[in-house]
Amino acid sequence: VGELGRLVGVLAYGSADPADPACAAHLHCPPLAVAVAADLAVSALNPSLDSWDQAPAATEMEKLLVAELAELAGYPEEAAGVVTSGGTESNLMGLMLARDHVLGAATGLPIQLSGVPATGPRPRIFASAAAHFSVRRAAALLGLGEDAVVPIPVDRELRMLPDALVAALRDSTTRPSERPVAVVATAGTTDTGAIDPLETCARLAAEHGAWLHVDAAYGGGALLSDRLAPLLAGIELADSISLDWHKLGWQPAAAGVFLVRRAETYRSLARRAAYLNPEDDEEAGYTSLLGRSLRTTRRADAFKIAVTLRTLGRDGLGRLVDACHDVAREAATAVRAHPRLELHADPVLTALLFRYLPADPAHADQVNAGLRRRLLREGRAVVGRTELPGEGPGRIRLKLTLLNPYTTAEEVERLLHAVAAAGQAEEEAL
């Protein structure tokens, strides 16, 4: 107990507290107390979902949770899914099934057995220039190579440009050396929360025989909000979806969910292990989720999500989403009103980009990068940093990702005042 207390103190002292209004850099939410308590119960009971006999209740709960979330996304009854470690794993699964389904249909080969053909058209994946880096990583892991990902230009708000996607798909289709395999649409980019035109992406993917994967790891939480859910119109047309409830869902990490519109598309992932899911057990009614996940040993992370949904309900969680959206809009108003701060664009969800404006614009990147480190060094705030697409100087931006629904306008004002003061100090130190 003594060492536990000592090391918990070390961990707490050296942690960024996502509940603190000045901790606003990343998609790193303050978990709800009920979710933390549920997570503790899972840790104590330690069920593992690689076989029914290790986790009977947890297995059935995950099935029910996946069905509820599939319905929330507008999927039909034949949908399926699994709880994952997060968007990176979910995106990998979506692109793996896209590869197996599209290339399998085109070649008549079981891709999971024979591999990607060494000859013939090269697979292509189309994703916005603002898509998560895990899309490229997935292409590499799947043997397609990062160069298989075709970046589609974005507008100022970092949304995929539909005309650019049309042109890229048309060009690829007319080349005998290429085959469109997947379109990845982002519903909530990491930096700005931008949402790609999902209905257009779905139509274009279908026209070119490509799989549509929607990365809604961030924006999926908007499905809980009556105000914001219309922004995700068309998500129900996706072949697969990534959701993360440890972002805009207030769960302890990890709490990702991967969904597919048709359970049959899971075929290439199915595996049989005599000691885990013998066929006669499944025929006798013992459910196996082994063929739904990339992992074998798997924690019962569905439990905390289910407990939270039961406790707060969709409406209760939706109110938290709306509250964070309100905080982001208040922050944007405050940035716009500050003489030394510049807003990049109004927030779509709960994130916004801005920068400090030094007297000499040539020093903008240096000052903004430095002020963020100054705030960290002095222990005053954790503010994000990113870069806008393009070339040349002037692209560095600061980022606020506001996931605490109880943050007040006054606390946001104090945070922005600290940013401006740090910017002035950096200017004076030049």
Protein backbone atom coordinates (compact mmCIF):
# COMPACT_ATOMS: atom_id res chain seq x y z
CA VAL A 1 0.00 0.00 0.00
CA GLY A 2 2.85 2.35 0.78
CA GLU A 3 4.47 1.92 -2.62
CA LEU A 4 1.09 2.17 -4.32
CA GLY A 5 0.42 5.50 -2.65
CA ARG A 6 3.90 6.78 -3.43
CA LEU A 7 3.78 5.82 -7.10
CA VAL A 8 0.22 7.08 -7.55
CA GLY A 9 1.50 10.40 -6.24
CA VAL A 10 4.34 10.36 -8.76
CA LEU A 11 1.93 9.52 -11.59
CA ALA A 12 -0.56 12.19 -10.57
CA TYR A 13 2.10 14.87 -10.08
CA GLY A 14 3.51 14.18 -13.54
CA SER A 15 0.20 13.87 -15.39
CA ALA A 16 -1.68 16.30 -17.57
CA ASP A 17 -5.14 16.58 -16.00
CA PRO A 18 -7.76 16.51 -18.77
CA ALA A 19 -10.35 17.91 -16.35
CA ASP A 20 -8.35 21.12 -15.93
CA PRO A 21 -9.67 23.88 -18.23
CA ALA A 22 -6.06 24.81 -19.04
CA CYS A 23 -5.40 21.28 -20.36
CA ALA A 24 -6.86 21.60 -23.84
CA ALA A 25 -4.35 20.30 -26.36
CA HIS A 26 -5.62 16.92 -27.46
CA LEU A 27 -8.62 14.64 -27.90
CA HIS A 28 -8.03 13.57 -24.31
CA CYS A 29 -11.23 13.77 -22.29
CA PRO A 30 -11.91 13.87 -18.54
CA PRO A 31 -13.61 10.50 -17.90
CA LEU A 32 -16.96 10.39 -16.17
CA ALA A 33 -16.90 9.01 -12.61
CA VAL A 34 -19.39 6.27 -13.50
CA ALA A 35 -17.16 5.15 -16.37
CA VAL A 36 -14.10 5.09 -14.11
CA ALA A 37 -15.98 2.98 -11.56
CA ALA A 38 -17.11 0.58 -14.29
CA ASP A 39 -13.53 0.33 -15.55
CA LEU A 40 -12.34 -0.54 -12.05
CA ALA A 41 -14.85 -3.39 -11.89
CA VAL A 42 -13.54 -4.74 -15.20
CA SER A 43 -9.95 -4.55 -13.93
CA ALA A 44 -10.87 -6.51 -10.81
CA LEU A 45 -12.89 -9.20 -12.60
CA ASN A 46 -10.48 -9.34 -15.57
CA PRO A 47 -12.69 -11.05 -18.18
CA SER A 48 -11.10 -11.76 -21.55
CA LEU A 49 -13.25 -11.79 -24.66
CA ASP A 50 -11.24 -14.26 -26.73
CA SER A 51 -13.66 -17.01 -25.70
CA TRP A 52 -17.18 -17.17 -24.30
CA ASP A 53 -16.20 -19.30 -21.30
CA GLN A 54 -13.81 -16.57 -20.06
CA ALA A 55 -16.36 -13.77 -20.35
CA PRO A 56 -19.98 -14.92 -20.74
CA ALA A 57 -21.63 -11.70 -19.54
CA ALA A 58 -19.06 -9.39 -21.13
CA THR A 59 -19.45 -11.14 -24.48
CA GLU A 60 -23.22 -10.70 -24.50
CA MET A 61 -22.93 -7.09 -23.30
CA GLU A 62 -20.56 -6.25 -26.14
CA LYS A 63 -22.96 -7.75 -28.68
CA LEU A 64 -25.80 -5.62 -27.31
CA LEU A 65 -23.67 -2.47 -27.16
CA VAL A 66 -22.47 -2.90 -30.74
CA ALA A 67 -26.07 -3.37 -31.89
CA GLU A 68 -27.12 -0.17 -30.11
CA LEU A 69 -24.26 1.86 -31.58
CA ALA A 70 -24.90 0.44 -35.04
CA GLU A 71 -28.51 1.60 -34.73
CA LEU A 72 -27.28 5.03 -33.57
CA ALA A 73 -25.20 5.26 -36.76
CA GLY A 74 -28.23 4.33 -38.88
CA TYR A 75 -27.01 0.86 -39.79
CA PRO A 76 -29.38 -2.04 -40.60
CA GLU A 77 -29.92 -5.07 -38.38
CA GLU A 78 -27.32 -7.11 -40.27
CA ALA A 79 -24.56 -4.77 -39.08
CA ALA A 80 -21.79 -6.05 -36.83
CA GLY A 81 -18.80 -4.73 -34.98
CA VAL A 82 -16.37 -4.97 -32.12
CA VAL A 83 -14.83 -2.84 -29.38
CA THR A 84 -11.29 -1.78 -30.26
CA SER A 85 -8.34 0.05 -28.73
CA GLY A 86 -9.23 3.16 -30.73
CA GLY A 87 -9.34 4.80 -34.12
CA THR A 88 -5.95 3.52 -35.25
CA GLU A 89 -7.01 -0.10 -34.83
CA SER A 90 -10.47 0.58 -36.26
CA ASN A 91 -9.05 2.32 -39.33
CA LEU A 92 -6.69 -0.59 -39.89
CA MET A 93 -9.62 -3.01 -39.72
CA GLY A 94 -11.71 -0.94 -42.12
CA LEU A 95 -8.96 -0.80 -44.71
CA MET A 96 -8.10 -4.48 -44.25
CA LEU A 97 -11.70 -5.49 -44.97
CA ALA A 98 -11.76 -3.04 -47.89
CA ARG A 99 -8.64 -4.66 -49.33
CA ASP A 100 -9.97 -8.18 -48.90
CA HIS A 101 -13.49 -7.41 -50.15
CA VAL A 102 -12.67 -5.24 -53.18
CA LEU A 103 -9.56 -7.10 -54.35
CA GLY A 104 -11.20 -10.44 -53.64
CA ALA A 105 -14.21 -9.53 -55.78
CA ALA A 106 -11.97 -8.23 -58.58
CA THR A 107 -9.58 -11.19 -58.69
CA GLY A 108 -11.71 -14.07 -57.42
CA LEU A 109 -8.94 -14.83 -54.92
CA PRO A 110 -9.16 -15.04 -51.11
CA ILE A 111 -6.79 -12.17 -50.37
CA GLN A 112 -6.37 -13.19 -46.72
CA LEU A 113 -4.88 -16.47 -48.00
CA SER A 114 -3.07 -15.57 -51.21
CA GLY A 115 -2.06 -12.01 -50.38
CA VAL A 116 -2.21 -8.94 -52.59
CA PRO A 117 -1.48 -9.97 -56.20
CA ALA A 118 2.04 -9.08 -57.28
CA THR A 119 0.80 -8.23 -60.75
CA GLY A 120 -2.19 -6.31 -62.02
CA PRO A 121 -3.62 -2.95 -60.97
CA ARG A 122 -2.16 -1.37 -57.84
CA PRO A 123 -4.69 -0.70 -55.06
CA ARG A 124 -5.43 2.94 -54.30
CA ILE A 125 -6.94 4.52 -51.17
CA PHE A 126 -8.37 8.04 -51.35
CA ALA A 127 -8.30 10.16 -48.20
CA SER A 128 -8.25 13.87 -47.53
CA ALA A 129 -4.98 15.66 -46.94
CA ALA A 130 -6.24 16.20 -43.38
CA ALA A 131 -6.99 12.52 -42.72
CA HIS A 132 -5.47 10.87 -39.66
CA PHE A 133 -1.92 9.56 -40.10
CA SER A 134 -3.14 6.08 -39.18
CA VAL A 135 -4.59 5.75 -42.70
CA ARG A 136 -1.10 5.79 -44.20
CA ARG A 137 0.20 3.54 -41.46
CA ALA A 138 -2.59 1.05 -42.18
CA ALA A 139 -1.73 1.04 -45.89
CA ALA A 140 1.86 0.19 -44.99
CA LEU A 141 0.87 -2.57 -42.57
CA LEU A 142 -1.49 -4.09 -45.14
CA GLY A 143 1.27 -4.44 -47.71
CA LEU A 144 -0.15 -1.74 -49.97
CA GLY A 145 2.50 0.84 -49.15
CA GLU A 146 1.96 4.39 -47.96
CA ASP A 147 2.15 5.56 -51.57
CA ALA A 148 -1.15 3.77 -52.18
CA VAL A 149 -2.87 6.59 -50.28
CA VAL A 150 -3.90 9.43 -52.61
CA PRO A 151 -4.24 12.70 -50.66
CA ILE A 152 -7.28 14.72 -51.71
CA PRO A 153 -7.00 18.52 -51.33
CA VAL A 154 -9.04 20.25 -48.64
CA ASP A 155 -10.69 23.63 -48.24
CA ARG A 156 -9.79 26.25 -45.61
CA GLU A 157 -11.78 24.38 -42.95
CA LEU A 158 -9.84 21.18 -43.87
CA ARG A 159 -12.83 19.44 -45.49
CA MET A 160 -12.20 17.20 -48.48
CA LEU A 161 -13.00 18.96 -51.76
CA PRO A 162 -15.63 16.89 -53.63
CA ASP A 163 -14.47 17.99 -57.09
CA ALA A 164 -10.93 16.95 -56.24
CA LEU A 165 -12.15 13.51 -55.17
CA VAL A 166 -14.15 13.18 -58.40
CA ALA A 167 -11.05 14.00 -60.45
CA ALA A 168 -8.77 11.66 -58.49
CA LEU A 169 -11.15 8.71 -58.75
CA ARG A 170 -11.75 9.34 -62.45
CA ASP A 171 -8.03 9.51 -63.16
CA SER A 172 -7.33 6.33 -61.20
CA THR A 173 -10.17 4.42 -62.85
CA THR A 174 -8.92 5.28 -66.33
CA ARG A 175 -5.42 3.98 -65.56
CA PRO A 176 -5.05 0.23 -66.17
CA SER A 177 -2.30 0.19 -63.55
CA GLU A 178 -4.57 1.31 -60.69
CA ARG A 179 -7.69 0.09 -58.88
CA PRO A 180 -9.65 2.22 -56.38
CA VAL A 181 -10.08 0.11 -53.26
CA ALA A 182 -11.29 2.54 -50.61
CA VAL A 183 -12.40 6.08 -49.93
CA VAL A 184 -11.71 7.24 -46.39
CA ALA A 185 -13.97 10.09 -45.28
CA THR A 186 -13.21 11.84 -42.02
CA ALA A 187 -16.02 12.86 -39.69
CA GLY A 188 -14.11 15.11 -37.33
CA THR A 189 -10.51 15.84 -38.27
CA THR A 190 -8.09 15.94 -35.37
CA ASP A 191 -7.17 19.59 -35.82
CA THR A 192 -10.43 21.33 -36.69
CA GLY A 193 -13.21 18.76 -36.33
CA ALA A 194 -13.94 19.15 -40.05
CA ILE A 195 -16.43 16.69 -41.53
CA ASP A 196 -15.98 15.55 -45.11
CA PRO A 197 -19.06 15.47 -47.42
CA LEU A 198 -20.14 11.97 -46.42
CA GLU A 199 -23.05 11.53 -48.82
CA THR A 200 -20.93 12.63 -51.78
CA CYS A 201 -18.10 10.33 -50.71
CA ALA A 202 -20.54 7.43 -50.45
CA ARG A 203 -21.94 8.05 -53.92
CA LEU A 204 -18.51 8.36 -55.52
CA ALA A 205 -17.14 5.28 -53.76
CA ALA A 206 -20.11 3.23 -54.97
CA GLU A 207 -19.75 4.51 -58.54
CA HIS A 208 -16.12 3.34 -58.62
CA GLY A 209 -16.58 0.04 -56.81
CA ALA A 210 -14.64 1.23 -53.78
CA TRP A 211 -15.27 0.63 -50.08
CA LEU A 212 -16.26 3.66 -48.00
CA HIS A 213 -14.72 3.86 -44.54
CA VAL A 214 -15.74 6.77 -42.31
CA ASP A 215 -13.25 7.71 -39.62
CA ALA A 216 -15.62 9.16 -37.02
CA ALA A 217 -13.28 8.54 -34.10
CA TYR A 218 -13.75 12.17 -33.04
CA GLY A 219 -16.98 13.25 -34.70
CA GLY A 220 -18.96 10.12 -33.90
CA GLY A 221 -19.91 11.65 -30.57
CA ALA A 222 -21.98 14.18 -32.51
CA LEU A 223 -24.46 11.37 -33.22
CA LEU A 224 -25.61 11.82 -29.62
CA SER A 225 -26.49 15.48 -30.19
CA ASP A 226 -29.73 16.57 -31.86
CA ARG A 227 -27.94 19.79 -32.80
CA LEU A 228 -24.85 18.23 -34.39
CA ALA A 229 -26.04 14.84 -35.65
CA PRO A 230 -27.23 16.29 -39.00
CA LEU A 231 -23.58 17.10 -39.77
CA LEU A 232 -22.99 13.35 -40.08
CA ALA A 233 -25.73 12.73 -42.65
CA GLY A 234 -24.55 9.92 -44.90
CA ILE A 235 -22.55 8.03 -42.28
CA GLU A 236 -25.14 5.25 -42.53
CA LEU A 237 -23.99 4.66 -46.13
CA ALA A 238 -20.45 3.74 -45.09
CA ASP A 239 -19.23 0.17 -45.38
CA SER A 240 -17.38 0.62 -42.09
CA ILE A 241 -17.08 3.21 -39.33
CA SER A 242 -14.55 4.05 -36.61
CA LEU A 243 -15.88 5.49 -33.33
CA ASP A 244 -13.94 6.49 -30.20
CA TRP A 245 -15.79 7.02 -26.94
CA HIS A 246 -12.58 8.02 -25.14
CA LYS A 247 -12.73 11.24 -27.15
CA LEU A 248 -16.18 12.85 -27.30
CA GLY A 249 -17.69 10.19 -25.04
CA TRP A 250 -15.90 10.74 -21.69
CA GLN A 251 -14.59 7.20 -21.26
CA PRO A 252 -11.24 6.10 -19.86
CA ALA A 253 -8.99 4.97 -22.69
CA ALA A 254 -9.38 2.72 -24.51
CA ALA A 255 -12.95 2.79 -25.79
CA GLY A 256 -12.95 2.47 -29.57
CA VAL A 257 -15.65 0.77 -31.64
CA PHE A 258 -15.47 -0.58 -35.18
CA LEU A 259 -18.69 -1.13 -37.13
CA VAL A 260 -19.46 -2.74 -40.48
CA ARG A 261 -22.76 -2.33 -42.32
CA ARG A 262 -22.89 -6.01 -43.33
CA ALA A 263 -21.67 -8.75 -40.99
CA GLU A 264 -20.79 -10.94 -43.99
CA THR A 265 -17.88 -8.63 -44.86
CA TYR A 266 -16.13 -9.92 -41.73
CA ARG A 267 -15.53 -13.26 -43.47
CA SER A 268 -11.85 -12.68 -44.21
CA LEU A 269 -11.11 -12.07 -40.52
CA ALA A 270 -12.82 -15.24 -39.27
CA ARG A 271 -10.52 -17.72 -37.54
CA ARG A 272 -11.11 -21.02 -35.79
CA ALA A 273 -9.04 -22.04 -32.76
CA ALA A 274 -10.00 -25.37 -31.23
CA TYR A 275 -9.24 -24.20 -27.69
CA LEU A 276 -11.24 -20.95 -28.01
CA ASN A 277 -14.16 -21.25 -30.45
CA PRO A 278 -14.74 -24.83 -31.63
CA GLU A 279 -17.43 -25.03 -34.27
CA ASP A 280 -19.70 -27.27 -32.21
CA ASP A 281 -19.67 -24.72 -29.36
CA GLU A 282 -20.92 -22.00 -31.69
CA GLU A 283 -23.55 -24.35 -33.11
CA ALA A 284 -24.68 -24.95 -29.51
CA GLY A 285 -25.16 -21.21 -29.01
CA TYR A 286 -21.90 -20.16 -27.36
CA THR A 287 -21.09 -16.83 -29.00
CA SER A 288 -17.56 -16.17 -30.23
CA LEU A 289 -16.24 -12.69 -30.99
CA LEU A 290 -12.80 -14.01 -31.96
CA GLY A 291 -13.48 -13.44 -35.66
CA ARG A 292 -14.50 -9.83 -35.09
CA SER A 293 -11.22 -8.50 -33.69
CA LEU A 294 -7.56 -8.24 -34.64
CA ARG A 295 -6.72 -9.10 -31.04
CA THR A 296 -7.03 -12.36 -29.14
CA THR A 297 -6.85 -11.48 -25.44
CA ARG A 298 -9.20 -8.53 -25.14
CA ARG A 299 -10.43 -6.50 -22.20
CA ALA A 300 -14.15 -5.95 -21.54
CA ASP A 301 -13.99 -2.29 -22.55
CA ALA A 302 -17.61 -2.38 -23.72
CA PHE A 303 -18.75 -2.52 -20.10
CA LYS A 304 -17.89 1.07 -19.16
CA ILE A 305 -19.51 2.40 -22.35
CA ALA A 306 -22.65 0.37 -21.65
CA VAL A 307 -22.81 1.54 -18.03
CA THR A 308 -22.43 5.16 -19.14
CA LEU A 309 -25.18 4.85 -21.74
CA ARG A 310 -27.48 3.21 -19.18
CA THR A 311 -26.72 5.88 -16.57
CA LEU A 312 -26.86 9.07 -18.64
CA GLY A 313 -28.78 7.89 -21.68
CA ARG A 314 -28.27 9.25 -25.16
CA ASP A 315 -29.95 12.53 -24.20
CA GLY A 316 -27.67 13.03 -21.21
CA LEU A 317 -24.54 12.40 -23.25
CA GLY A 318 -25.92 14.59 -26.02
CA ARG A 319 -26.21 17.48 -23.56
CA LEU A 320 -22.52 17.05 -22.69
CA VAL A 321 -21.63 17.15 -26.40
CA ASP A 322 -23.67 20.33 -26.84
CA ALA A 323 -22.04 21.90 -23.79
CA CYS A 324 -18.56 21.30 -25.23
CA HIS A 325 -19.69 22.73 -28.56
CA ASP A 326 -20.94 25.82 -26.72
CA VAL A 327 -17.58 26.20 -24.94
CA ALA A 328 -15.77 25.99 -28.29
CA ARG A 329 -18.00 28.67 -29.80
CA GLU A 330 -17.41 30.91 -26.79
CA ALA A 331 -13.68 30.36 -27.18
CA ALA A 332 -13.86 31.31 -30.86
CA THR A 333 -15.71 34.52 -29.97
CA ALA A 334 -13.06 35.37 -27.38
CA VAL A 335 -10.20 34.71 -29.82
CA ARG A 336 -11.86 36.85 -32.47
CA ALA A 337 -12.23 39.71 -29.99
CA HIS A 338 -8.59 39.61 -28.81
CA PRO A 339 -6.33 42.10 -30.63
CA ARG A 340 -3.27 39.79 -30.57
CA LEU A 341 -4.99 36.51 -31.49
CA GLU A 342 -6.22 35.29 -34.88
CA LEU A 343 -8.91 32.63 -35.33
CA HIS A 344 -8.44 30.21 -38.22
CA ALA A 345 -12.10 29.16 -38.58
CA ASP A 346 -15.24 28.74 -36.52
CA PRO A 347 -15.37 25.40 -34.69
CA VAL A 348 -17.40 22.60 -36.26
CA LEU A 349 -17.33 20.43 -33.13
CA THR A 350 -15.19 21.27 -30.10
CA ALA A 351 -11.76 22.13 -31.54
CA LEU A 352 -10.41 25.38 -32.93
CA LEU A 353 -7.16 26.65 -34.40
CA PHE A 354 -5.73 30.09 -33.76
CA ARG A 355 -2.41 31.86 -33.36
CA TYR A 356 -0.73 34.70 -31.55
CA LEU A 357 0.08 37.69 -33.78
CA PRO A 358 3.52 39.13 -33.04
CA ALA A 359 4.40 42.65 -34.13
CA ASP A 360 6.65 41.20 -36.84
CA PRO A 361 4.70 38.61 -38.89
CA ALA A 362 7.99 37.01 -39.94
CA HIS A 363 8.35 35.72 -36.37
CA ALA A 364 4.85 34.20 -36.15
CA ASP A 365 5.88 30.55 -36.38
CA GLN A 366 8.81 30.93 -33.99
CA VAL A 367 6.77 32.82 -31.41
CA ASN A 368 3.78 30.46 -31.50
CA ALA A 369 5.95 27.36 -31.23
CA GLY A 370 7.90 28.95 -28.40
CA LEU A 371 4.92 30.19 -26.41
CA ARG A 372 3.43 26.70 -26.31
CA ARG A 373 6.65 25.31 -24.85
CA ARG A 374 6.82 28.24 -22.42
CA LEU A 375 3.34 27.41 -21.12
CA LEU A 376 4.38 23.78 -20.66
CA ARG A 377 7.67 24.69 -19.01
CA GLU A 378 5.97 27.04 -16.56
CA GLY A 379 3.17 24.57 -15.85
CA ARG A 380 0.49 27.05 -16.82
CA ALA A 381 -1.32 25.34 -19.69
CA VAL A 382 -1.27 22.49 -22.19
CA VAL A 383 -2.15 23.94 -25.59
CA GLY A 384 -1.93 22.02 -28.86
CA ARG A 385 0.18 22.84 -31.87
CA THR A 386 -0.27 21.86 -35.50
CA GLU A 387 0.49 23.06 -39.01
CA LEU A 388 -1.87 23.99 -41.81
CA PRO A 389 -1.48 22.16 -45.13
CA GLY A 390 0.79 23.76 -47.68
CA GLU A 391 4.35 24.96 -47.97
CA GLY A 392 6.39 27.79 -46.52
CA PRO A 393 6.26 29.77 -43.28
CA GLY A 394 3.19 31.02 -41.45
CA ARG A 395 1.49 27.63 -41.12
CA ILE A 396 1.94 26.93 -37.39
CA ARG A 397 -1.27 27.20 -35.39
CA LEU A 398 -2.19 26.68 -31.76
CA LYS A 399 -5.08 24.38 -30.98
CA LEU A 400 -7.71 24.15 -28.28
CA THR A 401 -9.59 20.87 -28.02
CA LEU A 402 -12.38 21.49 -25.52
CA LEU A 403 -13.77 18.28 -24.06
CA ASN A 404 -14.71 19.38 -20.54
CA PRO A 405 -18.42 20.29 -20.64
CA TYR A 406 -18.10 22.18 -17.36
CA THR A 407 -15.44 24.63 -18.56
CA THR A 408 -16.72 28.19 -18.21
CA ALA A 409 -16.30 31.20 -20.47
CA GLU A 410 -14.23 32.85 -17.72
CA GLU A 411 -11.82 29.89 -17.64
CA VAL A 412 -11.42 30.08 -21.41
CA GLU A 413 -10.68 33.81 -21.12
CA ARG A 414 -7.97 33.10 -18.53
CA LEU A 415 -6.42 30.46 -20.78
CA LEU A 416 -6.32 32.83 -23.75
CA HIS A 417 -4.85 35.57 -21.55
CA ALA A 418 -2.08 33.14 -20.55
CA VAL A 419 -1.44 32.36 -24.23
CA ALA A 420 -1.19 36.05 -25.12
CA ALA A 421 1.10 36.75 -22.16
CA ALA A 422 3.38 33.87 -23.16
CA GLY A 423 3.42 35.18 -26.72
CA GLN A 424 4.48 38.61 -25.54
CA ALA A 425 7.23 37.06 -23.42
CA GLU A 426 8.49 35.12 -26.42
CA GLU A 427 8.56 38.30 -28.51
CA GLU A 428 10.57 40.10 -25.87
CA ALA A 429 13.03 37.19 -25.73
CA LEU A 430 13.81 37.32 -29.45
